[in-house]
Amino acid sequence: MLDGKTILVTGGTGTFGKAFVRYAFSNFNVKKLIIFSRDEYKQYEMAKHYPPDKYPIRYFLGDVRDYQRLLRAFEGVDFVIHAAALKQVPAAEYNPFEAVKTNIIGAENVINAAIEKGVKKVIAISTDKAVNPANLYGATKLVMEKIFVAGNSYVGAKDTVFAVVRYGNVVGSRGSVIPFFMDLRDRGQHLYPVTDPRMTRFWITIEQGIELVLFALKEAVGGEIFVPKIPSMKIVDLVKAIDPAGEIKITGIRPGEKLHEVLISEDEGRNVVRLRKADKTIYVVLPQFPPRQIVVEKYKNYERMPEGFRFKSDENDWWLTPEELRYMINPEPTSVEVEAVAR
């Protein structure tokens, strides 16, 4: 579906952007891939692996806070994936206005620039922290979701479509607890800080996140929030998966931290349909305000979730085993492992 298309990724030098570039060039014949981000050094590092003289890729230095720069970057773009955000919870709490400028005003700029330049579809990446937010980061992502859904009401005669994907913790991403625990283990420190032994989290691989974005690009007609059915795991079990001999130190829940995560709230559950695609289940949160007729028609025959439905990490019916988590972290054997097997 990306063959012959021009795709722009905001925040394109982050975890998602780097993985998306690799996935897109491996699976599609894109016309052009534009990396839009504000860090010139990260663009320089990415260009070592994907130089513009060998790949149909362009590096565009800019900030989503700058509307005029977005207008220039969006010229001739078919699809936009909006991944740019300030994501660190403590940093957002200490610098709230900066988080608002990037996560909310920046999202508004993306919407307006996309409409102005006639972008076909824009998919924003959200987080479980946007559901019943307990910190400023989650609150800004909630607002981002709301304005992206509402953006479909502002397109007028144009056919730009806005939708959102929402998922949980990405295995191995920057800021994830998994690299932190693995670093402790590799340095020979086998005492792991856990805030509460009851804590549970949703987990997804970056490849699954990319596949969800591509699904949304294909299926979205305007205003949907796509949520994958993904597994949960207790943090204490995660420690054992990384270091079976590890010990746990309980430190207490930090400000703005939840005991369990919610990907779909009970209030949203009244407007959720379930899609089954091959071996995957994807929930779609439909717009709660009167949606456009095209949304009504597309989903009118899909399975509605029952009253009281919610998707919460401690109530999940799908739990990761330590072996499954290890496979998610390292799905393919390293060259060293292959040589060891050969011997």
Protein backbone atom coordinates (compact mmCIF):
# COMPACT_ATOMS: atom_id res chain seq x y z
CA MET A 1 0.00 0.00 0.00
CA LEU A 2 3.02 2.31 0.30
CA ASP A 3 4.27 1.52 -3.20
CA GLY A 4 4.72 4.72 -5.16
CA LYS A 5 3.71 6.89 -2.19
CA THR A 6 5.45 9.74 -0.40
CA ILE A 7 5.36 9.26 3.36
CA LEU A 8 6.49 11.70 6.05
CA VAL A 9 7.22 10.68 9.64
CA THR A 10 7.32 13.39 12.30
CA GLY A 11 9.77 12.55 15.05
CA GLY A 12 11.26 10.25 12.45
CA THR A 13 14.61 9.71 14.21
CA GLY A 14 12.98 8.12 17.26
CA THR A 15 12.42 4.43 17.97
CA PHE A 16 9.34 4.20 15.75
CA GLY A 17 10.79 6.24 12.90
CA LYS A 18 14.00 4.24 12.62
CA ALA A 19 12.11 0.95 12.67
CA PHE A 20 9.55 2.25 10.16
CA VAL A 21 12.28 3.25 7.70
CA ARG A 22 13.78 -0.24 7.87
CA TYR A 23 10.34 -1.88 7.49
CA ALA A 24 9.25 0.37 4.62
CA PHE A 25 12.38 -0.16 2.54
CA SER A 26 12.25 -3.91 3.18
CA ASN A 27 8.61 -4.36 2.19
CA PHE A 28 7.59 -1.56 -0.18
CA ASN A 29 8.77 0.41 -3.17
CA VAL A 30 8.10 3.88 -1.80
CA LYS A 31 8.42 6.97 -3.93
CA LYS A 32 9.93 9.00 -1.09
CA LEU A 33 10.30 8.75 2.67
CA ILE A 34 10.70 12.04 4.54
CA ILE A 35 12.18 12.13 8.04
CA PHE A 36 11.00 15.26 9.86
CA SER A 37 12.69 15.89 13.21
CA ARG A 38 14.50 18.57 15.18
CA ASP A 39 17.72 16.70 16.04
CA GLU A 40 20.33 17.17 13.32
CA TYR A 41 22.78 14.72 14.90
CA LYS A 42 20.22 11.87 14.89
CA GLN A 43 19.47 12.64 11.26
CA TYR A 44 23.20 12.53 10.54
CA GLU A 45 23.45 9.13 12.23
CA MET A 46 20.43 7.77 10.36
CA ALA A 47 21.82 9.03 7.06
CA LYS A 48 24.88 6.82 7.59
CA HIS A 49 22.60 3.78 7.26
CA TYR A 50 20.18 5.30 4.74
CA PRO A 51 22.06 7.86 2.62
CA PRO A 52 19.86 9.95 0.30
CA ASP A 53 22.02 9.08 -2.71
CA LYS A 54 21.17 5.38 -2.33
CA TYR A 55 17.65 5.45 -0.89
CA PRO A 56 14.56 7.54 -1.74
CA ILE A 57 14.81 9.29 1.62
CA ARG A 58 15.04 12.95 2.60
CA TYR A 59 15.90 14.48 5.96
CA PHE A 60 13.92 17.56 6.89
CA LEU A 61 15.09 19.52 9.94
CA GLY A 62 12.17 21.13 11.72
CA ASP A 63 9.86 21.18 14.73
CA VAL A 64 6.14 20.40 14.80
CA ARG A 65 5.75 23.64 16.76
CA ASP A 66 6.68 25.51 13.53
CA TYR A 67 3.59 25.59 11.30
CA GLN A 68 5.34 27.24 8.36
CA ARG A 69 8.04 24.59 8.35
CA LEU A 70 5.39 21.86 8.34
CA LEU A 71 3.70 23.49 5.35
CA ARG A 72 6.96 23.30 3.42
CA ALA A 73 7.63 19.70 4.50
CA PHE A 74 4.11 18.47 3.64
CA GLU A 75 4.29 19.56 0.01
CA GLY A 76 3.44 16.56 -2.20
CA VAL A 77 3.09 14.15 0.73
CA ASP A 78 0.51 11.32 0.55
CA PHE A 79 0.65 9.97 4.11
CA VAL A 80 1.86 11.42 7.41
CA ILE A 81 2.66 9.38 10.50
CA HIS A 82 2.74 11.69 13.50
CA ALA A 83 5.15 10.20 16.03
CA ALA A 84 6.76 13.40 17.36
CA ALA A 85 6.15 14.01 21.07
CA LEU A 86 7.76 14.81 24.38
CA LYS A 87 7.35 11.43 26.05
CA GLN A 88 9.25 11.41 29.34
CA VAL A 89 6.77 11.63 32.22
CA PRO A 90 9.04 13.42 34.75
CA ALA A 91 10.28 15.87 32.10
CA ALA A 92 6.71 16.73 31.11
CA GLU A 93 5.74 17.29 34.76
CA TYR A 94 8.67 19.66 35.27
CA ASN A 95 8.25 21.42 31.90
CA PRO A 96 4.46 21.36 31.36
CA PHE A 97 4.26 24.25 28.91
CA GLU A 98 6.91 22.66 26.69
CA ALA A 99 4.93 19.41 26.62
CA VAL A 100 1.78 21.35 25.69
CA LYS A 101 3.59 23.17 22.88
CA THR A 102 4.88 19.97 21.30
CA ASN A 103 2.17 17.41 22.07
CA ILE A 104 -0.91 19.62 21.66
CA ILE A 105 -0.01 22.73 19.64
CA GLY A 106 2.30 20.61 17.50
CA ALA A 107 -0.53 18.17 16.79
CA GLU A 108 -2.81 21.06 15.81
CA ASN A 109 -0.13 22.33 13.43
CA VAL A 110 0.15 18.89 11.83
CA ILE A 111 -3.62 18.78 11.31
CA ASN A 112 -3.83 22.25 9.77
CA ALA A 113 -0.80 21.73 7.53
CA ALA A 114 -2.13 18.37 6.33
CA ILE A 115 -5.48 19.90 5.37
CA GLU A 116 -3.81 22.86 3.70
CA LYS A 117 -1.51 20.64 1.60
CA GLY A 118 -4.08 17.94 0.79
CA VAL A 119 -2.38 15.03 2.57
CA LYS A 120 -4.51 11.92 2.06
CA LYS A 121 -4.21 10.28 5.51
CA VAL A 122 -2.59 11.20 8.80
CA ILE A 123 -2.12 8.61 11.56
CA ALA A 124 -1.14 9.80 15.04
CA ILE A 125 0.58 7.50 17.51
CA SER A 126 -0.86 7.59 21.02
CA THR A 127 -0.38 5.67 24.25
CA ASP A 128 -2.28 3.87 26.99
CA LYS A 129 -1.34 6.82 29.22
CA ALA A 130 -3.93 8.90 27.33
CA VAL A 131 -6.73 6.82 28.91
CA ASN A 132 -7.81 8.22 32.28
CA PRO A 133 -4.49 10.12 32.46
CA ALA A 134 -2.62 10.28 35.76
CA ASN A 135 0.17 12.58 34.55
CA LEU A 136 0.66 15.56 32.26
CA TYR A 137 2.15 13.51 29.45
CA GLY A 138 -0.96 11.32 29.36
CA ALA A 139 -3.19 14.40 29.50
CA THR A 140 -1.46 15.98 26.51
CA LYS A 141 -1.81 12.76 24.53
CA LEU A 142 -5.51 12.62 25.42
CA VAL A 143 -5.93 16.13 24.01
CA MET A 144 -3.92 15.10 20.95
CA GLU A 145 -6.31 12.21 20.35
CA LYS A 146 -9.34 14.46 20.75
CA ILE A 147 -8.14 17.07 18.27
CA PHE A 148 -7.10 14.42 15.75
CA VAL A 149 -10.58 12.88 15.88
CA ALA A 150 -12.13 16.35 15.59
CA GLY A 151 -9.81 17.22 12.71
CA ASN A 152 -12.06 15.22 10.39
CA SER A 153 -14.74 17.85 10.90
CA TYR A 154 -12.49 20.58 9.53
CA VAL A 155 -11.48 19.10 6.19
CA GLY A 156 -14.40 20.63 4.32
CA ALA A 157 -14.39 19.66 0.65
CA LYS A 158 -10.97 18.04 0.94
CA ASP A 159 -10.58 14.32 1.56
CA THR A 160 -7.87 14.29 4.26
CA VAL A 161 -8.47 11.57 6.86
CA PHE A 162 -7.23 11.68 10.45
CA ALA A 163 -7.07 8.65 12.75
CA VAL A 164 -5.15 7.44 15.82
CA VAL A 165 -3.39 4.25 16.89
CA ARG A 166 -3.06 3.60 20.61
CA TYR A 167 -0.88 0.90 22.15
CA GLY A 168 1.15 0.03 25.24
CA ASN A 169 4.83 -0.28 26.10
CA VAL A 170 7.14 -1.05 23.18
CA VAL A 171 9.70 -3.74 23.89
CA GLY A 172 13.17 -2.23 23.72
CA SER A 173 12.12 1.37 23.05
CA ARG A 174 13.92 4.33 24.59
CA GLY A 175 12.64 4.85 28.13
CA SER A 176 11.32 1.29 28.38
CA VAL A 177 12.09 -0.56 31.60
CA ILE A 178 13.42 -3.56 29.64
CA PRO A 179 16.67 -1.93 28.41
CA PHE A 180 17.14 -0.51 31.91
CA PHE A 181 16.84 -3.94 33.53
CA MET A 182 19.04 -5.53 30.87
CA ASP A 183 21.71 -2.91 31.47
CA LEU A 184 21.65 -3.65 35.21
CA ARG A 185 22.00 -7.37 34.47
CA ASP A 186 24.85 -6.88 32.02
CA ARG A 187 26.72 -4.79 34.58
CA GLY A 188 26.39 -7.58 37.12
CA GLN A 189 23.84 -5.79 39.30
CA HIS A 190 21.12 -8.30 40.09
CA LEU A 191 18.91 -6.17 42.34
CA TYR A 192 16.04 -4.66 40.35
CA PRO A 193 13.87 -1.74 41.50
CA VAL A 194 10.13 -2.42 41.12
CA THR A 195 7.66 0.17 42.34
CA ASP A 196 4.88 -2.29 43.27
CA PRO A 197 4.76 -6.11 43.02
CA ARG A 198 1.17 -5.97 41.72
CA MET A 199 2.05 -3.74 38.76
CA THR A 200 1.10 -4.96 35.26
CA ARG A 201 1.84 -3.57 31.82
CA PHE A 202 0.83 -4.15 28.20
CA TRP A 203 3.65 -5.09 25.79
CA ILE A 204 4.02 -4.82 22.04
CA THR A 205 6.96 -5.11 19.64
CA ILE A 206 7.90 -2.21 17.40
CA GLU A 207 7.10 -4.35 14.34
CA GLN A 208 3.58 -4.93 15.67
CA GLY A 209 3.25 -1.19 16.18
CA ILE A 210 4.27 -0.55 12.59
CA GLU A 211 1.80 -3.15 11.32
CA LEU A 212 -0.97 -1.45 13.31
CA VAL A 213 -0.11 1.92 11.74
CA LEU A 214 -0.20 0.35 8.27
CA PHE A 215 -3.55 -1.24 9.10
CA ALA A 216 -4.89 2.16 10.15
CA LEU A 217 -3.55 3.75 6.96
CA LYS A 218 -5.44 1.16 4.94
CA GLU A 219 -8.71 1.02 6.89
CA ALA A 220 -9.29 4.45 8.46
CA VAL A 221 -12.13 6.55 7.10
CA GLY A 222 -11.95 9.30 9.72
CA GLY A 223 -11.91 9.63 13.50
CA GLU A 224 -11.16 6.05 14.58
CA ILE A 225 -8.78 5.05 17.36
CA PHE A 226 -7.23 1.66 16.58
CA VAL A 227 -6.21 -0.45 19.59
CA PRO A 228 -4.54 -3.87 19.20
CA LYS A 229 -5.32 -6.78 21.50
CA ILE A 230 -1.89 -7.33 23.07
CA PRO A 231 -0.61 -9.32 26.05
CA SER A 232 0.06 -8.23 29.62
CA MET A 233 2.85 -9.11 32.02
CA LYS A 234 3.55 -8.49 35.69
CA ILE A 235 6.66 -6.40 36.20
CA VAL A 236 7.98 -8.91 38.74
CA ASP A 237 7.65 -11.65 36.09
CA LEU A 238 9.43 -9.40 33.60
CA VAL A 239 12.40 -9.20 35.99
CA LYS A 240 12.51 -13.01 36.20
CA ALA A 241 12.36 -13.26 32.41
CA ILE A 242 15.39 -11.00 32.07
CA ASP A 243 17.33 -12.39 35.04
CA PRO A 244 16.03 -15.62 36.61
CA ALA A 245 18.48 -15.17 39.49
CA GLY A 246 17.55 -11.52 40.02
CA GLU A 247 16.17 -10.08 43.24
CA ILE A 248 13.53 -7.38 43.54
CA LYS A 249 13.58 -4.21 45.62
CA ILE A 250 10.17 -2.59 46.14
CA THR A 251 10.51 1.20 45.87
CA GLY A 252 6.90 2.43 45.92
CA ILE A 253 4.75 3.87 43.12
CA ARG A 254 6.13 7.12 41.72
CA PRO A 255 4.08 10.29 41.15
CA GLY A 256 2.00 10.01 37.98
CA GLU A 257 2.49 6.24 37.73
CA LYS A 258 -0.40 3.78 37.44
CA LEU A 259 -0.62 0.36 39.04
CA HIS A 260 -2.28 -1.03 35.90
CA GLU A 261 -2.69 0.29 32.38
CA VAL A 262 -5.90 0.87 30.45
CA LEU A 263 -6.03 0.81 26.66
CA ILE A 264 -9.81 1.18 26.43
CA SER A 265 -11.88 2.69 29.24
CA GLU A 266 -15.35 1.48 30.17
CA ASP A 267 -16.80 4.77 28.92
CA GLU A 268 -15.14 4.26 25.54
CA GLY A 269 -16.23 0.62 25.50
CA ARG A 270 -19.76 1.61 24.52
CA ASN A 271 -18.39 2.82 21.17
CA VAL A 272 -16.00 -0.04 20.35
CA VAL A 273 -16.20 -2.60 17.57
CA ARG A 274 -13.96 -5.63 17.22
CA LEU A 275 -12.18 -6.56 14.01
CA ARG A 276 -10.64 -9.98 13.53
CA LYS A 277 -7.91 -10.14 10.90
CA ALA A 278 -6.21 -13.53 10.50
CA ASP A 279 -4.75 -14.27 13.94
CA LYS A 280 -5.05 -10.67 15.17
CA THR A 281 -7.79 -8.82 17.01
CA ILE A 282 -8.05 -5.05 16.69
CA TYR A 283 -10.49 -2.90 18.62
CA VAL A 284 -11.74 0.29 17.02
CA VAL A 285 -12.97 3.14 19.21
CA LEU A 286 -15.48 4.98 17.04
CA PRO A 287 -16.03 8.75 17.31
CA GLN A 288 -18.39 9.53 20.18
CA PHE A 289 -19.77 12.70 18.62
CA PRO A 290 -21.98 12.29 15.55
CA PRO A 291 -19.49 10.83 13.04
CA ARG A 292 -19.54 11.32 9.32
CA GLN A 293 -21.83 8.95 7.44
CA ILE A 294 -18.87 7.11 5.94
CA VAL A 295 -17.86 5.97 9.45
CA VAL A 296 -21.39 4.78 10.22
CA GLU A 297 -21.59 2.81 7.00
CA LYS A 298 -18.15 1.19 7.32
CA TYR A 299 -18.65 -0.19 10.83
CA LYS A 300 -22.40 -0.78 11.04
CA ASN A 301 -22.10 -4.56 10.62
CA TYR A 302 -19.04 -5.12 12.80
CA GLU A 303 -19.20 -6.80 16.20
CA ARG A 304 -20.05 -4.36 18.99
CA MET A 305 -18.47 -4.93 22.38
CA PRO A 306 -20.86 -5.63 25.28
CA GLU A 307 -21.88 -3.13 27.93
CA GLY A 308 -19.15 -2.69 30.53
CA PHE A 309 -16.31 -3.67 28.19
CA ARG A 310 -12.86 -2.29 28.96
CA PHE A 311 -9.32 -3.36 28.15
CA LYS A 312 -7.15 -3.22 31.27
CA SER A 313 -3.74 -4.82 31.80
CA ASP A 314 -4.62 -6.70 35.01
CA GLU A 315 -7.90 -8.04 33.54
CA ASN A 316 -6.38 -9.29 30.30
CA ASP A 317 -6.92 -12.90 29.22
CA TRP A 318 -3.57 -12.96 27.41
CA TRP A 319 -0.40 -13.09 29.54
CA LEU A 320 3.20 -13.30 28.39
CA THR A 321 5.39 -16.10 29.64
CA PRO A 322 9.09 -15.37 30.37
CA GLU A 323 10.02 -17.38 27.27
CA GLU A 324 7.68 -15.33 25.08
CA LEU A 325 9.10 -12.07 26.40
CA ARG A 326 12.65 -13.24 25.74
CA TYR A 327 11.63 -14.05 22.17
CA MET A 328 10.06 -10.57 21.77
CA ILE A 329 13.33 -9.02 22.96
CA ASN A 330 15.48 -11.17 20.66
CA PRO A 331 13.32 -12.90 18.00
CA GLU A 332 16.28 -14.08 15.92
CA PRO A 333 19.46 -15.79 17.10
CA THR A 334 22.60 -13.71 16.97
CA SER A 335 25.57 -14.75 14.84
CA VAL A 336 27.28 -15.91 18.01
CA GLU A 337 24.29 -18.15 18.85
CA VAL A 338 24.22 -19.56 15.33
CA GLU A 339 27.93 -20.41 15.53
CA ALA A 340 27.40 -22.01 18.92
CA VAL A 341 24.63 -24.22 17.53
CA ALA A 342 26.83 -25.16 14.54
CA ARG A 343 29.59 -26.25 16.86
